[in-house]
Amino acid sequence: MSSATTPKTTNLLIRNVDAALHERLKARARANRRSMGEEAREMLRSAIAGGVSNGKRETLLDIADRIFGPDGVDLDLPPRRADLERPPVDFGGPDDDR
């Protein structure tokens, strides 16, 4: 194969990666069925392309996955209060006679 058809590649070493970030990358790669290296390359491609990767625009789901990771976010919601009295909903307009 000639060098004109083979893209030139180089290596990139990233040191001092936080263990939690490493685990998130590993989980994301697993979820996308990629190696960690290929996942990191795809993330770099996407970030440099401004959200466009492989000719496809980044969706809201892609953005949420990028921000929150593949496992999402756990929210602490306050418990529902059954003791609140709520008035019945009135679907009538101001001119409706009852």
C-alpha atoms as a PDB file:
ATOM      1  CA  MET A   1       0.000   0.000   0.000  1.00  0.00           C
ATOM      2  CA  SER A   2       1.384   3.398  -0.881  1.00  0.00           C
ATOM      3  CA  SER A   3       1.863   6.136   1.669  1.00  0.00           C
ATOM      4  CA  ALA A   4      -0.524   8.345  -0.338  1.00  0.00           C
ATOM      5  CA  THR A   5      -3.488   6.137   0.607  1.00  0.00           C
ATOM      6  CA  THR A   6      -2.442   5.343   4.182  1.00  0.00           C
ATOM      7  CA  PRO A   7      -3.142   8.195   6.616  1.00  0.00           C
ATOM      8  CA  LYS A   8      -0.212   9.041   8.847  1.00  0.00           C
ATOM      9  CA  THR A   9      -0.850   8.397  12.523  1.00  0.00           C
ATOM     10  CA  THR A  10       0.984   9.424  15.655  1.00  0.00           C
ATOM     11  CA  ASN A  11       0.737   8.498  19.308  1.00  0.00           C
ATOM     12  CA  LEU A  12      -0.680  10.592  22.123  1.00  0.00           C
ATOM     13  CA  LEU A  13       0.080   9.871  25.770  1.00  0.00           C
ATOM     14  CA  ILE A  14      -2.080  11.471  28.427  1.00  0.00           C
ATOM     15  CA  ARG A  15      -0.620  11.342  31.920  1.00  0.00           C
ATOM     16  CA  ASN A  16      -2.196  11.855  35.340  1.00  0.00           C
ATOM     17  CA  VAL A  17      -5.744  10.911  34.388  1.00  0.00           C
ATOM     18  CA  ASP A  18      -8.038  10.913  37.407  1.00  0.00           C
ATOM     19  CA  ALA A  19      -9.154   7.361  38.333  1.00  0.00           C
ATOM     20  CA  ALA A  20     -12.845   8.328  38.225  1.00  0.00           C
ATOM     21  CA  LEU A  21     -12.444   9.837  34.752  1.00  0.00           C
ATOM     22  CA  HIS A  22     -10.608   6.697  33.618  1.00  0.00           C
ATOM     23  CA  GLU A  23     -13.514   4.546  34.851  1.00  0.00           C
ATOM     24  CA  ARG A  24     -16.051   6.773  33.073  1.00  0.00           C
ATOM     25  CA  LEU A  25     -14.082   6.471  29.837  1.00  0.00           C
ATOM     26  CA  LYS A  26     -13.922   2.711  30.277  1.00  0.00           C
ATOM     27  CA  ALA A  27     -17.697   2.510  30.898  1.00  0.00           C
ATOM     28  CA  ARG A  28     -18.437   4.759  27.917  1.00  0.00           C
ATOM     29  CA  ALA A  29     -16.188   2.675  25.673  1.00  0.00           C
ATOM     30  CA  ARG A  30     -17.912  -0.500  26.863  1.00  0.00           C
ATOM     31  CA  ALA A  31     -21.356   1.023  26.242  1.00  0.00           C
ATOM     32  CA  ASN A  32     -20.306   2.011  22.704  1.00  0.00           C
ATOM     33  CA  ARG A  33     -18.572  -1.339  22.108  1.00  0.00           C
ATOM     34  CA  ARG A  34     -15.229   0.300  21.456  1.00  0.00           C
ATOM     35  CA  SER A  35     -11.754   0.025  22.897  1.00  0.00           C
ATOM     36  CA  MET A  36     -10.781   2.790  25.294  1.00  0.00           C
ATOM     37  CA  GLY A  37      -8.336   4.121  22.713  1.00  0.00           C
ATOM     38  CA  GLU A  38     -10.969   4.242  19.978  1.00  0.00           C
ATOM     39  CA  GLU A  39     -13.460   5.871  22.367  1.00  0.00           C
ATOM     40  CA  ALA A  40     -10.913   8.551  23.298  1.00  0.00           C
ATOM     41  CA  ARG A  41     -10.125   9.152  19.603  1.00  0.00           C
ATOM     42  CA  GLU A  42     -13.840   9.461  18.787  1.00  0.00           C
ATOM     43  CA  MET A  43     -14.328  11.911  21.659  1.00  0.00           C
ATOM     44  CA  LEU A  44     -11.395  13.998  20.403  1.00  0.00           C
ATOM     45  CA  ARG A  45     -12.753  13.940  16.847  1.00  0.00           C
ATOM     46  CA  SER A  46     -16.173  15.017  18.075  1.00  0.00           C
ATOM     47  CA  ALA A  47     -14.826  17.784  20.312  1.00  0.00           C
ATOM     48  CA  ILE A  48     -12.581  19.199  17.601  1.00  0.00           C
ATOM     49  CA  ALA A  49     -15.315  18.989  14.976  1.00  0.00           C
ATOM     50  CA  GLY A  50     -17.588  21.052  17.225  1.00  0.00           C
ATOM     51  CA  GLY A  51     -20.134  18.318  17.848  1.00  0.00           C
ATOM     52  CA  VAL A  52     -20.113  16.832  14.351  1.00  0.00           C
ATOM     53  CA  SER A  53     -18.642  13.355  14.138  1.00  0.00           C
ATOM     54  CA  ASN A  54     -18.773  10.909  11.221  1.00  0.00           C
ATOM     55  CA  GLY A  55     -20.959  13.368   9.301  1.00  0.00           C
ATOM     56  CA  LYS A  56     -23.619  13.202  12.024  1.00  0.00           C
ATOM     57  CA  ARG A  57     -24.584  16.148  14.239  1.00  0.00           C
ATOM     58  CA  GLU A  58     -24.458  15.685  17.982  1.00  0.00           C
ATOM     59  CA  THR A  59     -27.915  15.008  19.413  1.00  0.00           C
ATOM     60  CA  LEU A  60     -29.297  16.070  22.782  1.00  0.00           C
ATOM     61  CA  LEU A  61     -28.743  12.495  23.977  1.00  0.00           C
ATOM     62  CA  ASP A  62     -25.099  12.687  22.858  1.00  0.00           C
ATOM     63  CA  ILE A  63     -24.630  15.941  24.759  1.00  0.00           C
ATOM     64  CA  ALA A  64     -26.258  14.535  27.916  1.00  0.00           C
ATOM     65  CA  ASP A  65     -24.102  11.418  27.647  1.00  0.00           C
ATOM     66  CA  ARG A  66     -20.993  13.558  27.257  1.00  0.00           C
ATOM     67  CA  ILE A  67     -21.869  15.735  30.254  1.00  0.00           C
ATOM     68  CA  PHE A  68     -23.331  13.149  32.626  1.00  0.00           C
ATOM     69  CA  GLY A  69     -21.699   9.942  31.374  1.00  0.00           C
ATOM     70  CA  PRO A  70     -23.400   6.750  30.243  1.00  0.00           C
ATOM     71  CA  ASP A  71     -24.939   6.086  33.675  1.00  0.00           C
ATOM     72  CA  GLY A  72     -26.681   9.449  33.918  1.00  0.00           C
ATOM     73  CA  VAL A  73     -27.258  11.313  37.168  1.00  0.00           C
ATOM     74  CA  ASP A  74     -29.060  10.316  40.347  1.00  0.00           C
ATOM     75  CA  LEU A  75     -31.238  13.097  41.721  1.00  0.00           C
ATOM     76  CA  ASP A  76     -32.384  13.322  45.322  1.00  0.00           C
ATOM     77  CA  LEU A  77     -36.054  14.179  45.020  1.00  0.00           C
ATOM     78  CA  PRO A  78     -38.086  15.192  48.054  1.00  0.00           C
ATOM     79  CA  PRO A  79     -40.781  12.707  49.050  1.00  0.00           C
ATOM     80  CA  ARG A  80     -44.315  13.352  47.875  1.00  0.00           C
ATOM     81  CA  ARG A  81     -46.635  14.773  50.472  1.00  0.00           C
ATOM     82  CA  ALA A  82     -50.003  13.061  50.557  1.00  0.00           C
ATOM     83  CA  ASP A  83     -51.310  15.529  53.148  1.00  0.00           C
ATOM     84  CA  LEU A  84     -51.548  18.431  50.687  1.00  0.00           C
ATOM     85  CA  GLU A  85     -55.083  19.348  49.723  1.00  0.00           C
ATOM     86  CA  ARG A  86     -55.344  20.248  46.091  1.00  0.00           C
ATOM     87  CA  PRO A  87     -58.413  21.949  44.626  1.00  0.00           C
ATOM     88  CA  PRO A  88     -60.064  20.137  41.721  1.00  0.00           C
ATOM     89  CA  VAL A  89     -58.874  21.213  38.287  1.00  0.00           C
ATOM     90  CA  ASP A  90     -61.258  23.550  36.470  1.00  0.00           C
ATOM     91  CA  PHE A  91     -61.004  23.070  32.704  1.00  0.00           C
ATOM     92  CA  GLY A  92     -63.746  25.568  31.974  1.00  0.00           C
ATOM     93  CA  GLY A  93     -63.121  29.008  30.552  1.00  0.00           C
ATOM     94  CA  PRO A  94     -64.245  32.312  32.025  1.00  0.00           C
ATOM     95  CA  ASP A  95     -67.450  32.303  29.934  1.00  0.00           C
ATOM     96  CA  ASP A  96     -68.553  28.737  30.828  1.00  0.00           C
ATOM     97  CA  ASP A  97     -71.768  28.406  32.836  1.00  0.00           C
ATOM     98  CA  ARG A  98     -72.008  25.611  35.329  1.00  0.00           C
END
